[in-house]
Amino acid sequence: MAEYTVNEQGVARAEELIRARQFVLRSEWGRVQPSAEDENAFLRQHPWAEYGAWHLGLTEGATEDTKAR
């Protein structure tokens, strides 16, 4: 079974967004989550660290700078 740790960078980013009131209270995650192509397009224009800030958890043992991380 995979093990996870808290992504402190992701938590900090989430807190920033909450303070700025940049959130949606109700949505259907299956309809609004980014697709793999959306993620790839983002990564073509942004560093991995910025992509990583989207996530609140990190997969232990996964290689840095990968989506699996």
PDB file of N, CA and C in Angstrom:
ATOM      1  N   MET A   1       0.843  -1.176   0.000  1.00  0.00           N
ATOM      2  CA  MET A   1       0.000   0.000   0.000  1.00  0.00           C
ATOM      3  C   MET A   1       0.892   1.244   0.000  1.00  0.00           C
ATOM      4  N   ALA A   2       0.515   2.234  -0.783  1.00  0.00           N
ATOM      5  CA  ALA A   2       1.287   3.474  -0.879  1.00  0.00           C
ATOM      6  C   ALA A   2       1.232   4.226   0.452  1.00  0.00           C
ATOM      7  N   GLU A   3       2.310   4.954   0.717  1.00  0.00           N
ATOM      8  CA  GLU A   3       2.357   5.807   1.902  1.00  0.00           C
ATOM      9  C   GLU A   3       2.480   7.254   1.454  1.00  0.00           C
ATOM     10  N   TYR A   4       1.898   8.133   2.235  1.00  0.00           N
ATOM     11  CA  TYR A   4       1.842   9.539   1.863  1.00  0.00           C
ATOM     12  C   TYR A   4       2.320  10.414   3.005  1.00  0.00           C
ATOM     13  N   THR A   5       2.824  11.592   2.661  1.00  0.00           N
ATOM     14  CA  THR A   5       3.167  12.609   3.643  1.00  0.00           C
ATOM     15  C   THR A   5       2.483  13.913   3.236  1.00  0.00           C
ATOM     16  N   VAL A   6       2.368  14.807   4.187  1.00  0.00           N
ATOM     17  CA  VAL A   6       1.760  16.109   3.909  1.00  0.00           C
ATOM     18  C   VAL A   6       2.725  16.944   3.076  1.00  0.00           C
ATOM     19  N   ASN A   7       2.207  17.568   2.046  1.00  0.00           N
ATOM     20  CA  ASN A   7       2.987  18.469   1.200  1.00  0.00           C
ATOM     21  C   ASN A   7       2.833  19.870   1.784  1.00  0.00           C
ATOM     22  N   GLU A   8       3.816  20.302   2.551  1.00  0.00           N
ATOM     23  CA  GLU A   8       3.733  21.600   3.224  1.00  0.00           C
ATOM     24  C   GLU A   8       3.562  22.742   2.223  1.00  0.00           C
ATOM     25  N   GLN A   9       4.195  22.645   1.056  1.00  0.00           N
ATOM     26  CA  GLN A   9       4.044  23.664   0.013  1.00  0.00           C
ATOM     27  C   GLN A   9       2.592  23.716  -0.464  1.00  0.00           C
ATOM     28  N   GLY A  10       1.974  22.555  -0.637  1.00  0.00           N
ATOM     29  CA  GLY A  10       0.579  22.502  -1.055  1.00  0.00           C
ATOM     30  C   GLY A  10      -0.355  23.067  -0.001  1.00  0.00           C
ATOM     31  N   VAL A  11      -0.079  22.776   1.260  1.00  0.00           N
ATOM     32  CA  VAL A  11      -0.894  23.315   2.347  1.00  0.00           C
ATOM     33  C   VAL A  11      -0.773  24.839   2.382  1.00  0.00           C
ATOM     34  N   ALA A  12       0.447  25.347   2.237  1.00  0.00           N
ATOM     35  CA  ALA A  12       0.654  26.801   2.238  1.00  0.00           C
ATOM     36  C   ALA A  12      -0.104  27.454   1.081  1.00  0.00           C
ATOM     37  N   ARG A  13      -0.060  26.828  -0.087  1.00  0.00           N
ATOM     38  CA  ARG A  13      -0.777  27.375  -1.252  1.00  0.00           C
ATOM     39  C   ARG A  13      -2.285  27.349  -1.017  1.00  0.00           C
ATOM     40  N   ALA A  14      -2.795  26.267  -0.442  1.00  0.00           N
ATOM     41  CA  ALA A  14      -4.222  26.175  -0.145  1.00  0.00           C
ATOM     42  C   ALA A  14      -4.634  27.265   0.840  1.00  0.00           C
ATOM     43  N   GLU A  15      -3.806  27.510   1.844  1.00  0.00           N
ATOM     44  CA  GLU A  15      -4.111  28.557   2.813  1.00  0.00           C
ATOM     45  C   GLU A  15      -4.139  29.934   2.145  1.00  0.00           C
ATOM     46  N   GLU A  16      -3.193  30.181   1.225  1.00  0.00           N
ATOM     47  CA  GLU A  16      -3.181  31.449   0.480  1.00  0.00           C
ATOM     48  C   GLU A  16      -4.481  31.629  -0.302  1.00  0.00           C
ATOM     49  N   LEU A  17      -4.892  30.557  -0.997  1.00  0.00           N
ATOM     50  CA  LEU A  17      -6.114  30.626  -1.798  1.00  0.00           C
ATOM     51  C   LEU A  17      -7.347  30.855  -0.925  1.00  0.00           C
ATOM     52  N   ILE A  18      -7.382  30.224   0.232  1.00  0.00           N
ATOM     53  CA  ILE A  18      -8.513  30.397   1.146  1.00  0.00           C
ATOM     54  C   ILE A  18      -8.559  31.835   1.652  1.00  0.00           C
ATOM     55  N   ARG A  19      -7.396  32.368   2.070  1.00  0.00           N
ATOM     56  CA  ARG A  19      -7.361  33.758   2.548  1.00  0.00           C
ATOM     57  C   ARG A  19      -7.801  34.730   1.451  1.00  0.00           C
ATOM     58  N   ALA A  20      -7.453  34.411   0.198  1.00  0.00           N
ATOM     59  CA  ALA A  20      -7.828  35.272  -0.938  1.00  0.00           C
ATOM     60  C   ALA A  20      -9.243  34.982  -1.428  1.00  0.00           C
ATOM     61  N   ARG A  21      -9.932  34.070  -0.748  1.00  0.00           N
ATOM     62  CA  ARG A  21     -11.294  33.660  -1.108  1.00  0.00           C
ATOM     63  C   ARG A  21     -11.377  33.103  -2.524  1.00  0.00           C
ATOM     64  N   GLN A  22     -10.357  32.371  -2.914  1.00  0.00           N
ATOM     65  CA  GLN A  22     -10.284  31.744  -4.235  1.00  0.00           C
ATOM     66  C   GLN A  22     -10.634  30.260  -4.109  1.00  0.00           C
ATOM     67  N   PHE A  23     -11.888  29.992  -3.884  1.00  0.00           N
ATOM     68  CA  PHE A  23     -12.336  28.607  -3.738  1.00  0.00           C
ATOM     69  C   PHE A  23     -13.776  28.481  -4.208  1.00  0.00           C
ATOM     70  N   VAL A  24     -14.191  27.257  -4.436  1.00  0.00           N
ATOM     71  CA  VAL A  24     -15.558  26.950  -4.838  1.00  0.00           C
ATOM     72  C   VAL A  24     -16.149  26.051  -3.765  1.00  0.00           C
ATOM     73  N   LEU A  25     -17.311  26.409  -3.268  1.00  0.00           N
ATOM     74  CA  LEU A  25     -17.922  25.621  -2.209  1.00  0.00           C
ATOM     75  C   LEU A  25     -18.584  24.351  -2.719  1.00  0.00           C
ATOM     76  N   ARG A  26     -19.136  24.417  -3.914  1.00  0.00           N
ATOM     77  CA  ARG A  26     -19.832  23.246  -4.444  1.00  0.00           C
ATOM     78  C   ARG A  26     -19.429  23.017  -5.887  1.00  0.00           C
ATOM     79  N   SER A  27     -18.987  21.809  -6.172  1.00  0.00           N
ATOM     80  CA  SER A  27     -18.680  21.430  -7.549  1.00  0.00           C
ATOM     81  C   SER A  27     -18.649  19.909  -7.615  1.00  0.00           C
ATOM     82  N   GLU A  28     -18.733  19.398  -8.823  1.00  0.00           N
ATOM     83  CA  GLU A  28     -18.583  17.956  -9.040  1.00  0.00           C
ATOM     84  C   GLU A  28     -17.149  17.738  -9.495  1.00  0.00           C
ATOM     85  N   TRP A  29     -16.336  17.153  -8.616  1.00  0.00           N
ATOM     86  CA  TRP A  29     -14.909  17.007  -8.886  1.00  0.00           C
ATOM     87  C   TRP A  29     -14.650  16.315 -10.217  1.00  0.00           C
ATOM     88  N   GLY A  30     -15.431  15.339 -10.557  1.00  0.00           N
ATOM     89  CA  GLY A  30     -15.244  14.632 -11.821  1.00  0.00           C
ATOM     90  C   GLY A  30     -15.405  15.532 -13.039  1.00  0.00           C
ATOM     91  N   ARG A  31     -16.145  16.600 -12.892  1.00  0.00           N
ATOM     92  CA  ARG A  31     -16.360  17.539 -14.000  1.00  0.00           C
ATOM     93  C   ARG A  31     -15.300  18.635 -14.057  1.00  0.00           C
ATOM     94  N   VAL A  32     -14.706  18.972 -12.928  1.00  0.00           N
ATOM     95  CA  VAL A  32     -13.817  20.135 -12.884  1.00  0.00           C
ATOM     96  C   VAL A  32     -12.340  19.793 -12.708  1.00  0.00           C
ATOM     97  N   GLN A  33     -12.029  18.554 -12.379  1.00  0.00           N
ATOM     98  CA  GLN A  33     -10.613  18.216 -12.188  1.00  0.00           C
ATOM     99  C   GLN A  33      -9.868  18.324 -13.512  1.00  0.00           C
ATOM    100  N   PRO A  34      -8.599  18.757 -13.459  1.00  0.00           N
ATOM    101  CA  PRO A  34      -7.835  18.886 -14.700  1.00  0.00           C
ATOM    102  C   PRO A  34      -7.551  17.516 -15.318  1.00  0.00           C
ATOM    103  N   SER A  35      -7.588  17.470 -16.622  1.00  0.00           N
ATOM    104  CA  SER A  35      -7.265  16.233 -17.334  1.00  0.00           C
ATOM    105  C   SER A  35      -5.745  16.079 -17.388  1.00  0.00           C
ATOM    106  N   ALA A  36      -5.281  14.912 -17.794  1.00  0.00           N
ATOM    107  CA  ALA A  36      -3.845  14.693 -17.951  1.00  0.00           C
ATOM    108  C   ALA A  36      -3.271  15.696 -18.949  1.00  0.00           C
ATOM    109  N   GLU A  37      -3.993  15.988 -20.013  1.00  0.00           N
ATOM    110  CA  GLU A  37      -3.509  16.968 -20.991  1.00  0.00           C
ATOM    111  C   GLU A  37      -3.459  18.371 -20.403  1.00  0.00           C
ATOM    112  N   ASP A  38      -4.435  18.730 -19.570  1.00  0.00           N
ATOM    113  CA  ASP A  38      -4.395  20.025 -18.888  1.00  0.00           C
ATOM    114  C   ASP A  38      -3.148  20.124 -18.013  1.00  0.00           C
ATOM    115  N   GLU A  39      -2.860  19.051 -17.289  1.00  0.00           N
ATOM    116  CA  GLU A  39      -1.671  19.027 -16.433  1.00  0.00           C
ATOM    117  C   GLU A  39      -0.402  19.145 -17.274  1.00  0.00           C
ATOM    118  N   ASN A  40      -0.343  18.405 -18.374  1.00  0.00           N
ATOM    119  CA  ASN A  40       0.838  18.458 -19.249  1.00  0.00           C
ATOM    120  C   ASN A  40       1.033  19.856 -19.828  1.00  0.00           C
ATOM    121  N   ALA A  41      -0.059  20.502 -20.230  1.00  0.00           N
ATOM    122  CA  ALA A  41       0.024  21.859 -20.770  1.00  0.00           C
ATOM    123  C   ALA A  41       0.546  22.815 -19.697  1.00  0.00           C
ATOM    124  N   PHE A  42       0.077  22.652 -18.482  1.00  0.00           N
ATOM    125  CA  PHE A  42       0.555  23.487 -17.381  1.00  0.00           C
ATOM    126  C   PHE A  42       2.051  23.277 -17.169  1.00  0.00           C
ATOM    127  N   LEU A  43       2.470  22.014 -17.179  1.00  0.00           N
ATOM    128  CA  LEU A  43       3.885  21.696 -16.942  1.00  0.00           C
ATOM    129  C   LEU A  43       4.801  22.203 -18.054  1.00  0.00           C
ATOM    130  N   ARG A  44       4.290  22.353 -19.260  1.00  0.00           N
ATOM    131  CA  ARG A  44       5.108  22.901 -20.348  1.00  0.00           C
ATOM    132  C   ARG A  44       5.448  24.369 -20.099  1.00  0.00           C
ATOM    133  N   GLN A  45       4.648  25.034 -19.272  1.00  0.00           N
ATOM    134  CA  GLN A  45       4.839  26.469 -19.059  1.00  0.00           C
ATOM    135  C   GLN A  45       5.203  26.848 -17.626  1.00  0.00           C
ATOM    136  N   HIS A  46       5.234  25.866 -16.717  1.00  0.00           N
ATOM    137  CA  HIS A  46       5.495  26.157 -15.307  1.00  0.00           C
ATOM    138  C   HIS A  46       6.457  25.106 -14.728  1.00  0.00           C
ATOM    139  N   PRO A  47       7.169  25.459 -13.671  1.00  0.00           N
ATOM    140  CA  PRO A  47       8.075  24.489 -13.039  1.00  0.00           C
ATOM    141  C   PRO A  47       7.315  23.435 -12.235  1.00  0.00           C
ATOM    142  N   TRP A  48       7.985  22.326 -12.001  1.00  0.00           N
ATOM    143  CA  TRP A  48       7.393  21.235 -11.226  1.00  0.00           C
ATOM    144  C   TRP A  48       6.961  21.699  -9.837  1.00  0.00           C
ATOM    145  N   ALA A  49       7.729  22.587  -9.224  1.00  0.00           N
ATOM    146  CA  ALA A  49       7.384  23.057  -7.877  1.00  0.00           C
ATOM    147  C   ALA A  49       6.026  23.737  -7.868  1.00  0.00           C
ATOM    148  N   GLU A  50       5.718  24.485  -8.909  1.00  0.00           N
ATOM    149  CA  GLU A  50       4.421  25.158  -8.984  1.00  0.00           C
ATOM    150  C   GLU A  50       3.306  24.130  -9.171  1.00  0.00           C
ATOM    151  N   TYR A  51       3.549  23.131 -10.002  1.00  0.00           N
ATOM    152  CA  TYR A  51       2.575  22.038 -10.175  1.00  0.00           C
ATOM    153  C   TYR A  51       2.376  21.305  -8.842  1.00  0.00           C
ATOM    154  N   GLY A  52       3.471  21.072  -8.136  1.00  0.00           N
ATOM    155  CA  GLY A  52       3.400  20.356  -6.866  1.00  0.00           C
ATOM    156  C   GLY A  52       2.543  21.064  -5.835  1.00  0.00           C
ATOM    157  N   ALA A  53       2.439  22.383  -5.932  1.00  0.00           N
ATOM    158  CA  ALA A  53       1.643  23.147  -4.977  1.00  0.00           C
ATOM    159  C   ALA A  53       0.148  22.891  -5.135  1.00  0.00           C
ATOM    160  N   TRP A  54      -0.253  22.205  -6.195  1.00  0.00           N
ATOM    161  CA  TRP A  54      -1.661  21.831  -6.367  1.00  0.00           C
ATOM    162  C   TRP A  54      -2.082  20.729  -5.395  1.00  0.00           C
ATOM    163  N   HIS A  55      -1.107  20.010  -4.856  1.00  0.00           N
ATOM    164  CA  HIS A  55      -1.403  18.770  -4.130  1.00  0.00           C
ATOM    165  C   HIS A  55      -1.101  18.888  -2.639  1.00  0.00           C
ATOM    166  N   LEU A  56      -1.987  18.348  -1.822  1.00  0.00           N
ATOM    167  CA  LEU A  56      -1.812  18.403  -0.377  1.00  0.00           C
ATOM    168  C   LEU A  56      -1.003  17.233   0.159  1.00  0.00           C
ATOM    169  N   GLY A  57      -0.832  16.191  -0.637  1.00  0.00           N
ATOM    170  CA  GLY A  57      -0.071  15.025  -0.193  1.00  0.00           C
ATOM    171  C   GLY A  57       0.996  14.641  -1.191  1.00  0.00           C
ATOM    172  N   LEU A  58       2.030  13.964  -0.697  1.00  0.00           N
ATOM    173  CA  LEU A  58       3.113  13.449  -1.527  1.00  0.00           C
ATOM    174  C   LEU A  58       3.181  11.935  -1.367  1.00  0.00           C
ATOM    175  N   THR A  59       3.409  11.235  -2.451  1.00  0.00           N
ATOM    176  CA  THR A  59       3.553   9.785  -2.401  1.00  0.00           C
ATOM    177  C   THR A  59       4.994   9.460  -2.026  1.00  0.00           C
ATOM    178  N   GLU A  60       5.165   8.784  -0.917  1.00  0.00           N
ATOM    179  CA  GLU A  60       6.497   8.391  -0.468  1.00  0.00           C
ATOM    180  C   GLU A  60       7.102   7.408  -1.458  1.00  0.00           C
ATOM    181  N   GLY A  61       8.369   7.601  -1.780  1.00  0.00           N
ATOM    182  CA  GLY A  61       9.072   6.689  -2.671  1.00  0.00           C
ATOM    183  C   GLY A  61       8.966   7.041  -4.143  1.00  0.00           C
ATOM    184  N   ALA A  62       8.050   7.935  -4.503  1.00  0.00           N
ATOM    185  CA  ALA A  62       7.926   8.335  -5.902  1.00  0.00           C
ATOM    186  C   ALA A  62       9.036   9.337  -6.229  1.00  0.00           C
ATOM    187  N   THR A  63       9.507   9.298  -7.451  1.00  0.00           N
ATOM    188  CA  THR A  63      10.584  10.168  -7.893  1.00  0.00           C
ATOM    189  C   THR A  63      10.118  11.620  -7.934  1.00  0.00           C
ATOM    190  N   GLU A  64      11.008  12.521  -7.485  1.00  0.00           N
ATOM    191  CA  GLU A  64      10.707  13.958  -7.564  1.00  0.00           C
ATOM    192  C   GLU A  64      10.428  14.344  -9.016  1.00  0.00           C
ATOM    193  N   ASP A  65       9.698  15.419  -9.190  1.00  0.00           N
ATOM    194  CA  ASP A  65       9.379  15.953 -10.518  1.00  0.00           C
ATOM    195  C   ASP A  65       8.688  14.949 -11.424  1.00  0.00           C
ATOM    196  N   THR A  66       7.770  14.185 -10.828  1.00  0.00           N
ATOM    197  CA  THR A  66       6.898  13.287 -11.587  1.00  0.00           C
ATOM    198  C   THR A  66       5.473  13.474 -11.070  1.00  0.00           C
ATOM    199  N   LYS A  67       4.514  13.153 -11.890  1.00  0.00           N
ATOM    200  CA  LYS A  67       3.118  13.249 -11.445  1.00  0.00           C
ATOM    201  C   LYS A  67       2.825  12.255 -10.324  1.00  0.00           C
ATOM    202  N   ALA A  68       3.531  11.159 -10.304  1.00  0.00           N
ATOM    203  CA  ALA A  68       3.318  10.157  -9.263  1.00  0.00           C
ATOM    204  C   ALA A  68       3.679  10.682  -7.884  1.00  0.00           C
ATOM    205  N   ARG A  69       4.585  11.619  -7.820  1.00  0.00           N
ATOM    206  CA  ARG A  69       5.034  12.160  -6.546  1.00  0.00           C
ATOM    207  C   ARG A  69       3.889  12.861  -5.872  1.00  0.00           C
TER     208      ARG A  69
END
